[in-house]
Protein backbone atom coordinates (compact mmCIF):
# COMPACT_ATOMS: atom_id res chain seq x y z
CA MET A 1 0.01 -0.01 -0.02
CA ILE A 2 1.40 3.35 -1.02
CA GLY A 3 0.77 6.21 1.40
CA ILE A 4 0.44 9.68 -0.33
CA VAL A 5 1.35 12.52 2.01
CA ASP A 6 -1.38 15.16 2.12
CA TYR A 7 0.16 18.39 3.36
CA GLY A 8 -2.01 20.71 1.29
CA MET A 9 0.33 21.36 -1.60
CA GLY A 10 0.22 18.24 -3.64
CA ASN A 11 -1.40 17.25 -6.97
CA LEU A 12 -3.32 14.50 -5.11
CA PHE A 13 -6.04 13.96 -7.60
CA SER A 14 -4.02 13.32 -10.66
CA VAL A 15 -1.45 11.19 -8.81
CA SER A 16 -4.14 9.06 -7.11
CA LYS A 17 -5.98 8.63 -10.38
CA ALA A 18 -2.77 7.34 -11.96
CA LEU A 19 -2.33 4.80 -9.25
CA GLU A 20 -5.91 3.74 -9.71
CA ARG A 21 -5.29 3.13 -13.43
CA LEU A 22 -2.38 0.90 -12.44
CA ASP A 23 -4.45 -0.93 -9.84
CA ALA A 24 -1.86 0.06 -7.28
CA PRO A 25 -3.38 0.24 -3.71
CA TYR A 26 -2.91 3.53 -2.03
CA PHE A 27 -4.27 5.86 0.62
CA ILE A 28 -4.02 9.63 1.19
CA SER A 29 -3.29 10.95 4.68
CA GLN A 30 -1.86 13.63 6.73
CA HIS A 31 -1.57 11.51 9.84
CA LYS A 32 1.92 10.46 10.78
CA GLY A 33 1.02 7.18 12.29
CA ASN A 34 -1.02 5.99 9.29
CA LEU A 35 1.67 7.01 6.85
CA MET A 36 4.34 5.23 8.77
CA GLU A 37 2.46 1.98 8.25
CA ALA A 38 2.57 2.22 4.47
CA ASP A 39 4.76 -0.05 2.32
CA ALA A 40 6.00 2.97 0.32
CA LEU A 41 5.65 6.74 0.62
CA LEU A 42 4.79 9.26 -2.13
CA VAL A 43 5.48 12.95 -1.53
CA PRO A 44 3.77 15.11 -4.20
CA GLY A 45 4.05 18.79 -4.50
CA VAL A 46 3.11 21.91 -6.45
CA GLY A 47 4.12 25.44 -5.36
CA SER A 48 6.82 27.05 -3.14
CA PHE A 49 9.66 25.09 -1.53
CA ARG A 50 9.60 27.42 1.48
CA ASP A 51 5.79 27.18 2.02
CA ALA A 52 5.92 23.38 1.64
CA MET A 53 8.75 22.95 4.20
CA ASP A 54 6.97 25.36 6.54
CA ILE A 55 3.87 23.12 6.46
CA LEU A 56 5.90 19.93 6.80
CA ASP A 57 7.84 21.31 9.79
CA ARG A 58 4.79 22.66 11.55
CA THR A 59 2.78 19.39 11.24
CA GLY A 60 5.68 17.09 12.17
CA LEU A 61 5.62 15.54 8.69
CA THR A 62 9.24 16.44 8.12
CA GLN A 63 10.48 14.10 10.81
CA MET A 64 7.89 11.47 9.77
CA ILE A 65 9.29 11.40 6.18
CA ARG A 66 12.84 11.12 7.54
CA ASP A 67 11.81 8.39 9.92
CA PHE A 68 10.02 6.55 7.13
CA ALA A 69 13.10 6.82 4.84
CA ALA A 70 15.29 5.34 7.62
CA THR A 71 13.20 2.16 7.60
CA GLY A 72 14.43 1.32 4.14
CA LYS A 73 11.02 1.49 2.67
CA PRO A 74 10.68 3.26 -0.79
CA VAL A 75 10.07 6.96 -0.85
CA LEU A 76 9.18 8.92 -4.11
CA GLY A 77 9.03 12.66 -4.46
CA ILE A 78 7.33 14.18 -7.49
CA CYS A 79 7.97 17.62 -8.94
CA LEU A 80 8.27 19.90 -5.83
CA GLY A 81 8.17 16.74 -3.77
CA MET A 82 11.39 15.64 -5.37
CA GLN A 83 13.10 18.98 -4.65
CA LEU A 84 12.05 18.72 -0.99
CA LEU A 85 14.17 15.56 -0.80
CA PHE A 86 17.35 17.63 -1.14
CA GLU A 87 19.34 19.75 1.32
CA GLU A 88 18.14 23.28 0.57
CA SER A 89 16.49 25.66 -1.91
CA THR A 90 17.05 29.23 -2.94
CA GLU A 91 13.41 29.81 -3.68
CA ASN A 92 12.00 32.81 -1.69
CA GLY A 93 15.22 32.83 0.42
CA LEU A 94 17.45 29.95 1.50
CA THR A 95 15.34 27.14 3.08
CA LYS A 96 16.45 23.78 4.45
CA GLY A 97 14.93 20.69 2.96
CA LEU A 98 14.52 17.07 4.06
CA SER A 99 18.25 16.36 3.36
CA LEU A 100 17.65 12.85 2.19
CA LEU A 101 19.68 13.44 -0.98
CA PRO A 102 22.68 15.78 -1.50
CA GLY A 103 22.17 18.88 -3.55
CA LYS A 104 20.66 22.24 -3.77
CA VAL A 105 17.59 23.65 -5.66
CA GLU A 106 18.26 26.72 -7.72
CA ARG A 107 16.24 28.74 -10.21
CA PHE A 108 16.92 28.58 -14.01
CA SER A 109 18.86 31.66 -14.91
CA GLY A 110 16.90 32.24 -18.15
CA GLU A 111 20.09 32.88 -20.00
CA THR A 112 22.65 30.51 -21.55
CA ALA A 113 26.44 30.79 -21.07
CA VAL A 114 26.63 32.56 -24.56
CA GLY A 115 23.90 35.05 -23.74
CA GLU A 116 20.86 33.34 -25.35
CA ASN A 117 17.55 33.93 -23.37
CA TYR A 118 15.22 31.08 -22.75
CA LYS A 119 11.80 30.77 -21.14
CA VAL A 120 11.35 30.13 -17.49
CA PRO A 121 9.41 27.99 -16.35
CA HIS A 122 10.65 25.01 -18.25
CA MET A 123 7.40 23.69 -19.56
CA GLY A 124 6.70 20.88 -22.03
CA TRP A 125 7.78 17.55 -23.22
CA ASN A 126 11.54 16.52 -23.05
CA LYS A 127 13.28 13.33 -23.66
CA LEU A 128 14.90 11.48 -20.75
CA ARG A 129 18.49 10.32 -21.07
CA PHE A 130 19.18 7.35 -18.71
CA ILE A 131 22.61 7.74 -17.01
CA GLY A 132 22.30 5.60 -13.94
CA ASP A 133 20.84 2.33 -12.71
CA SER A 134 17.60 2.25 -10.79
CA PRO A 135 14.61 -0.12 -10.27
CA LEU A 136 12.47 2.74 -11.58
CA LEU A 137 13.97 2.08 -15.09
CA ALA A 138 13.32 -1.65 -15.16
CA SER A 139 12.37 -2.79 -18.66
CA LEU A 140 12.14 0.81 -19.90
CA GLU A 141 13.65 2.66 -22.89
CA GLU A 142 14.32 6.32 -23.09
CA GLY A 143 11.20 8.42 -23.76
CA TYR A 144 9.52 11.75 -23.35
CA VAL A 145 7.96 13.18 -20.14
CA TYR A 146 6.21 16.40 -19.19
CA PHE A 147 7.88 19.05 -17.15
CA VAL A 148 6.60 22.21 -15.51
CA HIS A 149 9.14 23.83 -13.15
CA SER A 150 11.24 27.00 -12.65
CA TYR A 151 13.77 25.38 -10.24
CA TYR A 152 16.03 22.44 -10.68
CA ILE A 153 18.49 20.36 -8.79
CA LYS A 154 22.32 21.07 -8.71
CA THR A 155 24.37 18.38 -7.13
CA LYS A 156 27.98 17.54 -6.75
CA ASN A 157 27.11 13.91 -6.33
CA PRO A 158 26.52 12.41 -9.86
CA ASP A 159 25.79 9.00 -8.33
CA VAL A 160 22.22 10.22 -7.43
CA LEU A 161 21.42 11.02 -11.05
CA VAL A 162 19.39 8.33 -12.85
CA ALA A 163 18.00 10.23 -15.82
CA VAL A 164 18.47 13.80 -17.15
CA GLY A 165 16.73 16.09 -19.65
CA ASP A 166 18.35 18.87 -21.56
CA TYR A 167 16.89 22.33 -21.52
CA TYR A 168 19.09 24.66 -23.47
CA ASP A 169 22.54 24.45 -21.85
CA VAL A 170 21.25 23.02 -18.51
CA GLU A 171 21.30 19.32 -17.84
CA VAL A 172 18.19 18.91 -15.73
CA PRO A 173 18.24 16.12 -13.13
CA ALA A 174 14.88 14.39 -14.07
CA ILE A 175 14.98 11.21 -12.10
CA VAL A 176 17.18 10.83 -8.97
CA GLY A 177 17.76 8.04 -6.56
CA ARG A 178 19.91 6.54 -3.89
CA GLU A 179 19.07 3.30 -2.08
CA ASN A 180 15.39 3.64 -1.23
CA ILE A 181 14.98 7.32 -1.97
CA PHE A 182 13.66 8.28 -5.41
CA GLY A 183 12.52 11.52 -7.13
CA MET A 184 10.95 12.59 -10.43
CA GLN A 185 11.20 16.31 -11.41
CA PHE A 186 8.53 15.89 -14.09
CA HIS A 187 4.92 14.80 -13.67
CA PRO A 188 4.72 11.10 -14.35
CA GLU A 189 0.96 11.09 -14.02
CA LYS A 190 0.84 13.55 -17.00
CA SER A 191 3.54 11.87 -19.04
CA SER A 192 1.50 9.29 -21.01
CA ASP A 193 2.93 5.71 -21.19
CA MET A 194 6.36 6.60 -20.05
CA GLY A 195 5.16 8.19 -16.89
CA MET A 196 2.74 5.34 -16.13
CA ALA A 197 5.49 2.80 -16.62
CA LEU A 198 7.74 4.63 -14.13
CA LEU A 199 4.90 4.76 -11.56
CA ARG A 200 4.19 1.11 -12.10
CA ASN A 201 7.84 0.40 -11.31
CA PHE A 202 7.57 2.33 -8.12
CA ALA A 203 4.34 0.59 -7.21
CA ASN A 204 6.12 -2.72 -7.77
CA LEU A 205 8.75 -1.73 -5.20
CA ALA A 206 5.96 -1.22 -2.70
CA THR A 207 4.61 -4.63 -3.47
CA GLU A 208 8.06 -6.21 -3.07
CA ARG A 209 8.55 -4.46 0.16
CA LYS A 210 5.12 -5.79 1.53
CA THR A 211 6.03 -9.29 0.36
CA ASP A 212 9.53 -9.12 2.17
CA SER A 213 8.02 -7.86 5.41
């Protein structure tokens, strides 16, 4: 059973409907005890990093997510939820994140190294390039997914990069992962067959975890 964290800033409807299409059992909750009982945790998110962390801190969900991650059970962050997995963000002032993965969230500059301007936010379909190993990529080939974001991950630890997408001269971390912690910068629930396949692989991790426990 996948527990979806409801902290008031997630795209709960579209994510839950995607899991329903996969026949993946899930529940939505803001209660720490209930979420800790899940076989896997999904952290969605739309909006401001600072606002999201403020809510997570005030409700005690920050520590719950860290405690859940420490159990070894799978955790997936989507869009803003992925960014929250990292150490800090510059959005609306420097804000500490969950620190489950190494790296910092920064805004697209809107200008390439040679002075070419580009649109921010990064919005639309981009092809993934697989550069790392992950159970999320099981039996998949590179394909297109749908992005909507103005901030992206910068990390000095390339081992956490699973797949990237190119936006002008920026190599955007699109799928990240280390051990049981995973993130997708794009919206898999809006990314057609490719996105559904990625969610299915995450749901399979939850099933495997339940079987092993």
